[in-house]
Amino acid sequence: MSFLHDLKIAVRSLARVPALWITIALTLALGIGANAAIFSVVRAVLLRPLANRDEDRLLYIRQSAPGLHEVNANFSIPEINDIGAGLKTIRELGTFSTMDFTVVGLGTPREIPAGVVDGNYFDVMGLKPILGRLLTPADDGPNAPGAMVLTYGFWRNSMKSDPGVVGKTVRLESFEGARSALVVGVLEPSVPYPVATEFIANVVTSPHHLSATMVQGREHRMTEVFGRLASGATVEQARAELKSVYSAMTTAHPEVYKASSQYTIDVKRMHDQINSKANSVLWILFAASGLLFVIASSNVANLVLARTTRRESELAVRAALGASTKVLRRSLLAESLVLRSDRRLWAVRGSLSWLQTSVLLLIAGSVAGFVLGGRSGLQFLVIDILGVFPPGRPGLTRVTQTK
């Protein structure tokens, strides 16, 4: 009797118990659906690379003062000038500060959150435009003309993806005065960090950024600092150099950096900083989804084992009529294959996920590839192997020995 004949018998046998395969399909669909949803989020947030060029060299620099209960504080312009002078492990620094402007000239006048940056910012961040150009060091200085770059989301949603917006002159009004600015470009889609903004402008568009308070105030901290590693340098080397430079700065200004304040500086990769808050939560959810899949697979295993147990009398009759253990196991395997034949698409998808996440494992150094990649194998173990070799049930051996 051929294996094809066994498959035909299995189809007829399972057709008489629709509740079994419907229950198995729904149980596994729940486990697979939860895993697919959670892994999509994990991949998008934790594993997918940023749009920034050479993101592994992009740094985020912060200072803290535990004695003042200040964690991840911004920098002042004098602090940035002191820290950035003569760095060897960091090629250059870029600065970013937030400011709300009332924009006149881009539709209905309204207040819009924006970023104010220096000319190095976009080069440090490794971003590029999709229209026009980005800001450069030529846009720095109090005598430079006002210039602004629209973020991709603002250009697409508010400007309806109008390419004609590049070249328009608009009026930017802030709490210390108004300036005009030329729209010079549109930024590519990227992660809005440290805050979501609608456009990014040069320093001259904000009168406050040109004031003595901003330029000379060592304790007037409202600027984020980013850096790009120099060629051949590591994050550890950059951290050590920054700590040395920062220590010299705090020693030179004891009236500002009191010992009781415990001022310190640190640096980390930009990707790690962006994911720092979501990292633990997402991995916990991913582990929970894996546990849910194991529970679903255990329930399916119980259903398969229960059906095999109830068929011991049938198997005994077939053994008495001359069927060997090999033939009986082959028939059980055929039934198991039919039972999961409506899930071949999931098997293909699971194999692709295994390949994909294995590559991500090598790149990201996480255990997600092993966890997700092994789940297709667990499905095979539950439905096929347990259906043919049920543990703790010597039924096939016993019925064949009664021949």
Protein backbone atom coordinates (compact mmCIF):
# COMPACT_ATOMS: atom_id res chain seq x y z
CA MET A 1 0.00 0.00 0.00
CA SER A 2 1.57 3.29 -1.15
CA PHE A 3 2.04 6.47 0.86
CA LEU A 4 -0.35 8.21 -1.52
CA HIS A 5 -3.04 5.72 -0.50
CA ASP A 6 -2.26 6.49 3.15
CA LEU A 7 -2.79 10.19 2.41
CA LYS A 8 -6.21 9.50 0.85
CA ILE A 9 -7.26 7.48 3.89
CA ALA A 10 -6.01 10.26 6.19
CA VAL A 11 -8.08 12.87 4.33
CA ARG A 12 -11.23 10.77 4.71
CA SER A 13 -10.47 10.07 8.38
CA LEU A 14 -9.94 13.73 9.28
CA ALA A 15 -12.99 14.81 7.30
CA ARG A 16 -15.07 12.95 9.90
CA VAL A 17 -13.60 15.08 12.75
CA PRO A 18 -13.70 18.72 11.54
CA ALA A 19 -13.65 19.98 15.11
CA LEU A 20 -10.12 18.59 15.54
CA TRP A 21 -8.40 20.35 12.68
CA ILE A 22 -10.41 23.54 13.15
CA THR A 23 -9.31 23.68 16.80
CA ILE A 24 -5.69 23.01 15.85
CA ALA A 25 -5.78 25.67 13.11
CA LEU A 26 -7.25 28.31 15.44
CA THR A 27 -4.85 27.46 18.26
CA LEU A 28 -1.78 27.72 16.08
CA ALA A 29 -3.14 30.82 14.32
CA LEU A 30 -3.32 32.55 17.70
CA GLY A 31 0.28 31.69 18.55
CA ILE A 32 1.65 32.52 15.09
CA GLY A 33 -0.36 35.74 14.82
CA ALA A 34 0.91 37.04 18.16
CA ASN A 35 4.49 36.17 17.24
CA ALA A 36 4.26 37.79 13.81
CA ALA A 37 2.78 40.99 15.24
CA ILE A 38 5.30 41.34 18.06
CA PHE A 39 8.28 40.45 15.90
CA SER A 40 7.20 43.04 13.29
CA VAL A 41 7.40 45.70 16.01
CA VAL A 42 10.68 44.35 17.39
CA ARG A 43 12.24 44.30 13.94
CA ALA A 44 11.01 47.80 13.05
CA VAL A 45 12.15 49.36 16.33
CA LEU A 46 15.18 47.39 17.47
CA LEU A 47 16.68 45.59 14.48
CA ARG A 48 16.02 47.74 11.41
CA PRO A 49 18.89 50.15 10.71
CA LEU A 50 18.34 53.90 10.80
CA ALA A 51 18.27 56.01 7.65
CA ASN A 52 21.41 57.81 8.85
CA ARG A 53 24.64 57.15 6.96
CA ASP A 54 27.06 54.90 8.89
CA GLU A 55 24.71 54.85 11.88
CA ASP A 56 27.17 52.79 13.91
CA ARG A 57 29.44 55.86 14.01
CA LEU A 58 26.70 58.27 15.06
CA LEU A 59 26.94 59.29 18.74
CA TYR A 60 24.65 60.92 21.27
CA ILE A 61 26.38 62.96 23.99
CA ARG A 62 24.75 63.90 27.30
CA GLN A 63 25.77 65.27 30.67
CA SER A 64 24.27 64.58 34.07
CA ALA A 65 24.41 66.02 37.57
CA PRO A 66 23.17 63.38 40.03
CA GLY A 67 23.70 65.78 42.94
CA LEU A 68 21.13 68.12 41.37
CA HIS A 69 18.87 65.24 40.28
CA GLU A 70 19.53 66.12 36.63
CA VAL A 71 19.82 63.16 34.27
CA ASN A 72 20.57 63.53 30.56
CA ALA A 73 20.78 67.32 30.68
CA ASN A 74 21.35 69.53 27.62
CA PHE A 75 24.47 71.61 27.00
CA SER A 76 25.12 75.33 26.82
CA ILE A 77 27.02 76.96 23.95
CA PRO A 78 30.14 77.67 26.10
CA GLU A 79 30.16 74.02 27.21
CA ILE A 80 29.91 72.84 23.61
CA ASN A 81 32.79 75.10 22.58
CA ASP A 82 34.97 73.77 25.41
CA ILE A 83 34.14 70.12 24.77
CA GLY A 84 34.49 70.26 20.98
CA ALA A 85 37.90 71.91 20.94
CA GLY A 86 40.62 69.52 19.81
CA LEU A 87 38.73 66.23 19.92
CA LYS A 88 40.56 63.42 18.12
CA THR A 89 38.19 60.47 18.48
CA ILE A 90 35.15 62.47 17.33
CA ARG A 91 35.39 63.99 13.86
CA GLU A 92 32.89 66.76 14.50
CA LEU A 93 29.90 67.76 16.63
CA GLY A 94 26.43 68.82 15.56
CA THR A 95 23.96 70.75 17.72
CA PHE A 96 20.17 70.78 17.87
CA SER A 97 17.76 72.81 20.01
CA THR A 98 13.98 73.11 19.88
CA MET A 99 12.04 76.28 19.24
CA ASP A 100 8.41 77.06 18.41
CA PHE A 101 7.86 79.46 15.51
CA THR A 102 4.72 81.03 14.11
CA VAL A 103 5.14 80.41 10.39
CA VAL A 104 3.68 82.87 7.89
CA GLY A 105 3.84 81.92 4.23
CA LEU A 106 3.14 78.19 4.28
CA GLY A 107 -0.65 78.14 4.27
CA THR A 108 -2.56 79.34 7.33
CA PRO A 109 -0.22 81.06 9.83
CA ARG A 110 0.22 78.79 12.82
CA GLU A 111 2.72 77.87 15.52
CA ILE A 112 4.95 74.98 14.48
CA PRO A 113 7.59 73.04 16.48
CA ALA A 114 10.99 73.33 14.85
CA GLY A 115 14.63 72.55 15.36
CA VAL A 116 17.44 75.09 15.28
CA VAL A 117 20.77 73.58 14.22
CA ASP A 118 24.30 74.54 13.32
CA GLY A 119 25.79 73.95 9.89
CA ASN A 120 27.41 70.62 10.87
CA TYR A 121 24.22 68.98 12.08
CA PHE A 122 23.07 67.24 8.90
CA ASP A 123 26.57 66.08 7.99
CA VAL A 124 27.05 64.63 11.48
CA MET A 125 23.65 62.95 11.39
CA GLY A 126 24.38 61.45 7.98
CA LEU A 127 21.10 62.54 6.37
CA LYS A 128 20.40 63.65 2.82
CA PRO A 129 17.67 65.66 1.07
CA ILE A 130 15.03 64.39 -1.30
CA LEU A 131 14.56 67.92 -2.69
CA GLY A 132 16.94 70.87 -2.74
CA ARG A 133 19.77 70.87 -0.21
CA LEU A 134 20.38 70.69 3.53
CA LEU A 135 22.04 73.23 5.82
CA THR A 136 25.83 73.49 5.72
CA PRO A 137 28.51 75.51 7.57
CA ALA A 138 27.92 78.25 5.00
CA ASP A 139 24.54 78.83 6.71
CA ASP A 140 26.20 79.54 10.09
CA GLY A 141 26.91 82.92 11.59
CA PRO A 142 24.82 86.00 12.50
CA ASN A 143 25.19 87.47 9.00
CA ALA A 144 24.03 84.37 7.09
CA PRO A 145 20.62 84.54 5.38
CA GLY A 146 17.81 82.62 7.05
CA ALA A 147 17.37 79.08 5.71
CA MET A 148 15.13 76.16 6.62
CA VAL A 149 14.62 72.52 5.65
CA LEU A 150 11.18 70.90 5.80
CA THR A 151 10.87 67.45 7.35
CA TYR A 152 9.47 64.75 5.10
CA GLY A 153 6.29 64.29 7.16
CA PHE A 154 5.45 68.00 7.15
CA TRP A 155 6.15 68.30 3.42
CA ARG A 156 4.00 65.27 2.60
CA ASN A 157 1.07 65.97 4.94
CA SER A 158 0.88 69.76 5.14
CA MET A 159 2.43 70.72 1.81
CA LYS A 160 0.83 67.81 -0.09
CA SER A 161 4.23 66.80 -1.46
CA ASP A 162 4.45 70.02 -3.46
CA PRO A 163 7.96 70.32 -4.96
CA GLY A 164 7.34 74.02 -5.59
CA VAL A 165 7.65 74.78 -1.88
CA VAL A 166 11.45 74.74 -2.23
CA GLY A 167 12.54 78.30 -2.95
CA LYS A 168 9.71 80.00 -1.05
CA THR A 169 10.52 82.70 1.48
CA VAL A 170 8.55 82.53 4.73
CA ARG A 171 8.42 84.57 7.92
CA LEU A 172 9.36 82.92 11.23
CA GLU A 173 8.08 84.66 14.35
CA SER A 174 9.39 83.71 17.81
CA PHE A 175 9.14 85.23 21.29
CA GLU A 176 12.16 87.48 20.70
CA GLY A 177 11.37 88.71 17.19
CA ALA A 178 10.81 87.68 13.60
CA ARG A 179 13.11 86.62 10.77
CA SER A 180 12.63 85.60 7.16
CA ALA A 181 13.88 82.25 5.91
CA LEU A 182 14.22 80.56 2.55
CA VAL A 183 13.01 76.98 2.17
CA VAL A 184 16.13 75.33 0.75
CA GLY A 185 15.16 71.65 0.81
CA VAL A 186 13.15 68.69 2.07
CA LEU A 187 14.71 66.10 4.39
CA GLU A 188 14.53 62.38 3.65
CA PRO A 189 12.30 60.19 5.88
CA SER A 190 14.13 59.58 9.15
CA VAL A 191 13.57 58.97 12.86
CA PRO A 192 12.53 62.31 14.44
CA TYR A 193 15.04 62.55 17.26
CA PRO A 194 15.38 64.04 19.85
CA VAL A 195 11.89 65.46 19.21
CA ALA A 196 9.45 65.48 16.32
CA THR A 197 9.66 68.75 14.37
CA GLU A 198 8.05 70.14 11.22
CA PHE A 199 11.12 71.93 9.91
CA ILE A 200 14.74 72.61 10.83
CA ALA A 201 16.27 76.08 10.50
CA ASN A 202 19.69 77.68 10.89
CA VAL A 203 20.67 79.63 13.98
CA VAL A 204 20.12 83.09 12.49
CA THR A 205 16.36 82.51 12.24
CA SER A 206 16.09 82.55 16.06
CA PRO A 207 17.00 85.87 17.70
CA HIS A 208 17.29 84.08 21.04
CA HIS A 209 20.10 81.90 19.71
CA LEU A 210 22.09 85.03 18.84
CA SER A 211 21.53 86.67 22.23
CA ALA A 212 24.23 87.06 24.87
CA THR A 213 22.25 84.79 27.18
CA MET A 214 22.51 81.96 24.69
CA VAL A 215 26.04 82.59 23.44
CA GLN A 216 27.72 83.37 26.77
CA GLY A 217 25.52 81.74 29.42
CA ARG A 218 27.33 78.66 30.66
CA GLU A 219 24.30 77.51 32.60
CA HIS A 220 21.80 78.32 29.84
CA ARG A 221 21.46 74.73 28.65
CA MET A 222 19.00 74.04 25.83
CA THR A 223 21.11 72.35 23.14
CA GLU A 224 21.41 68.66 22.26
CA VAL A 225 24.81 67.45 21.04
CA PHE A 226 25.55 64.72 18.51
CA GLY A 227 28.88 63.49 17.23
CA ARG A 228 30.42 61.30 14.56
CA LEU A 229 33.27 58.96 15.38
CA ALA A 230 36.56 59.62 13.68
CA SER A 231 37.96 56.91 11.41
CA GLY A 232 39.40 54.06 13.43
CA ALA A 233 38.06 55.33 16.77
CA THR A 234 35.74 53.39 19.08
CA VAL A 235 32.95 54.48 21.38
CA GLU A 236 35.07 53.55 24.41
CA GLN A 237 37.92 55.75 23.20
CA ALA A 238 35.52 58.63 22.54
CA ARG A 239 34.01 58.23 26.01
CA ALA A 240 37.44 58.30 27.64
CA GLU A 241 38.50 61.42 25.71
CA LEU A 242 35.24 63.23 26.45
CA LYS A 243 35.56 62.47 30.16
CA SER A 244 39.09 63.85 30.17
CA VAL A 245 38.08 67.06 28.35
CA TYR A 246 34.97 67.42 30.50
CA SER A 247 36.98 67.00 33.70
CA ALA A 248 39.33 69.79 32.62
CA MET A 249 36.34 72.05 31.88
CA THR A 250 34.66 71.44 35.24
CA THR A 251 37.95 72.05 37.03
CA ALA A 252 38.34 75.38 35.22
CA HIS A 253 34.91 76.58 36.32
CA PRO A 254 34.40 75.41 39.93
CA GLU A 255 31.79 78.12 40.54
CA VAL A 256 29.47 76.37 38.06
CA TYR A 257 30.42 72.71 38.47
CA LYS A 258 30.39 72.24 42.23
CA ALA A 259 31.71 68.94 43.59
CA SER A 260 28.38 68.25 45.30
CA SER A 261 26.60 68.40 41.93
CA GLN A 262 28.70 65.48 40.60
CA TYR A 263 28.70 66.60 36.98
CA THR A 264 29.61 63.86 34.51
CA ILE A 265 29.44 63.23 30.77
CA ASP A 266 28.65 60.13 28.76
CA VAL A 267 28.25 59.05 25.15
CA LYS A 268 26.42 56.19 23.46
CA ARG A 269 25.52 55.13 19.96
CA MET A 270 22.53 56.94 18.53
CA HIS A 271 20.68 53.71 17.75
CA ASP A 272 21.02 52.57 21.37
CA GLN A 273 19.82 55.92 22.66
CA ILE A 274 16.71 55.92 20.47
CA ASN A 275 15.79 52.40 21.55
CA SER A 276 16.75 52.75 25.22
CA LYS A 277 13.20 53.27 26.51
CA ALA A 278 11.52 50.68 24.29
CA ASN A 279 14.27 48.06 24.42
CA SER A 280 13.29 46.19 27.61
CA VAL A 281 9.55 46.43 27.02
CA LEU A 282 9.73 45.05 23.48
CA TRP A 283 11.99 42.14 24.41
CA ILE A 284 9.65 41.24 27.28
CA LEU A 285 6.71 41.28 24.86
CA PHE A 286 8.70 39.17 22.42
CA ALA A 287 9.46 36.62 25.14
CA ALA A 288 5.79 36.63 26.18
CA SER A 289 4.71 35.95 22.60
CA GLY A 290 7.16 33.05 22.48
CA LEU A 291 5.64 31.65 25.67
CA LEU A 292 2.19 32.00 24.13
CA PHE A 293 3.38 30.02 21.11
CA VAL A 294 4.77 27.27 23.35
CA ILE A 295 1.43 27.09 25.18
CA ALA A 296 -0.45 26.91 21.87
CA SER A 297 1.88 24.17 20.64
CA SER A 298 1.42 22.23 23.91
CA ASN A 299 -2.35 22.36 23.47
CA VAL A 300 -2.00 21.07 19.92
CA ALA A 301 0.28 18.30 21.17
CA ASN A 302 -2.37 17.25 23.68
CA LEU A 303 -5.00 17.12 20.93
CA VAL A 304 -2.76 15.00 18.70
CA LEU A 305 -1.85 12.63 21.55
CA ALA A 306 -5.48 12.31 22.62
CA ARG A 307 -6.53 11.32 19.12
CA THR A 308 -3.69 8.77 18.89
CA THR A 309 -4.71 7.27 22.25
CA ARG A 310 -8.35 6.91 21.18
CA ARG A 311 -7.24 5.07 18.04
CA GLU A 312 -5.36 2.29 19.85
CA SER A 313 -8.19 -0.18 19.30
CA GLU A 314 -8.22 0.66 15.58
CA LEU A 315 -4.46 0.23 15.39
CA ALA A 316 -4.72 -3.09 17.24
CA VAL A 317 -7.24 -4.36 14.66
CA ARG A 318 -5.00 -3.27 11.78
CA ALA A 319 -2.00 -4.93 13.43
CA ALA A 320 -4.01 -8.14 13.90
CA LEU A 321 -4.82 -8.08 10.18
CA GLY A 322 -1.13 -7.98 9.32
CA ALA A 323 -0.07 -4.33 9.35
CA SER A 324 3.50 -3.84 10.52
CA THR A 325 4.73 -1.13 12.87
CA LYS A 326 6.29 0.63 9.87
CA VAL A 327 2.99 0.69 8.00
CA LEU A 328 1.08 1.97 11.05
CA ARG A 329 3.58 4.73 11.66
CA ARG A 330 3.45 5.66 7.99
CA SER A 331 -0.32 6.02 8.15
CA LEU A 332 -0.05 8.19 11.27
CA LEU A 333 2.56 10.35 9.52
CA ALA A 334 0.25 10.75 6.53
CA GLU A 335 -2.53 11.94 8.84
CA SER A 336 -0.20 14.38 10.54
CA LEU A 337 0.90 15.79 7.18
CA VAL A 338 -2.70 16.20 6.07
CA LEU A 339 -3.52 17.81 9.39
CA ARG A 340 -1.07 20.60 8.73
CA SER A 341 -1.28 20.64 4.92
CA ASP A 342 -3.49 23.76 5.05
CA ARG A 343 -0.59 25.49 6.76
CA ARG A 344 2.06 25.05 4.07
CA LEU A 345 2.05 28.78 3.48
CA TRP A 346 2.89 29.29 7.16
CA ALA A 347 5.71 26.77 6.86
CA VAL A 348 7.21 28.69 3.92
CA ARG A 349 6.81 31.93 5.81
CA GLY A 350 8.39 30.38 8.88
CA SER A 351 11.37 29.22 6.83
CA LEU A 352 11.82 32.71 5.39
CA SER A 353 11.56 34.17 8.87
CA TRP A 354 14.24 31.75 10.05
CA LEU A 355 16.62 32.86 7.29
CA GLN A 356 15.82 36.51 7.81
CA THR A 357 16.17 36.49 11.57
CA SER A 358 19.32 34.38 11.43
CA VAL A 359 20.94 37.15 9.38
CA LEU A 360 19.64 39.72 11.83
CA LEU A 361 21.09 37.61 14.64
CA LEU A 362 24.54 37.85 13.13
CA ILE A 363 24.16 41.59 12.62
CA ALA A 364 22.38 42.61 15.80
CA GLY A 365 23.81 40.02 18.18
CA SER A 366 20.40 39.14 19.62
CA VAL A 367 18.74 35.83 20.40
CA ALA A 368 15.64 36.69 18.39
CA GLY A 369 16.85 34.70 15.39
CA PHE A 370 17.17 31.50 17.42
CA VAL A 371 13.78 31.98 19.06
CA LEU A 372 11.75 32.80 15.97
CA GLY A 373 13.73 30.55 13.67
CA GLY A 374 13.08 27.48 15.83
CA ARG A 375 9.33 27.84 15.96
CA SER A 376 8.69 26.22 12.61
CA GLY A 377 10.68 23.26 13.92
CA LEU A 378 8.52 23.21 17.03
CA GLN A 379 5.41 23.05 14.84
CA PHE A 380 6.93 20.07 13.01
CA LEU A 381 7.75 18.41 16.34
CA VAL A 382 4.24 18.92 17.71
CA ILE A 383 2.17 17.87 14.71
CA ASP A 384 4.32 15.38 12.83
CA ILE A 385 6.71 13.76 15.28
CA LEU A 386 4.34 13.49 18.24
CA GLY A 387 1.64 12.18 15.96
CA VAL A 388 3.88 9.32 14.87
CA PHE A 389 5.96 8.72 18.02
CA PRO A 390 3.71 9.62 20.97
CA PRO A 391 5.84 9.72 24.15
CA GLY A 392 4.81 7.55 27.04
CA ARG A 393 2.31 5.64 24.89
CA PRO A 394 3.61 2.19 23.88
CA GLY A 395 0.45 1.58 21.90
CA LEU A 396 2.06 0.83 18.57
CA THR A 397 4.56 -1.56 20.10
CA ARG A 398 1.87 -3.29 22.13
CA VAL A 399 -0.59 -3.74 19.29
CA THR A 400 2.04 -5.07 16.92
CA GLN A 401 3.26 -7.53 19.53
CA THR A 402 -0.22 -9.06 19.73
CA LYS A 403 -0.02 -10.31 16.17
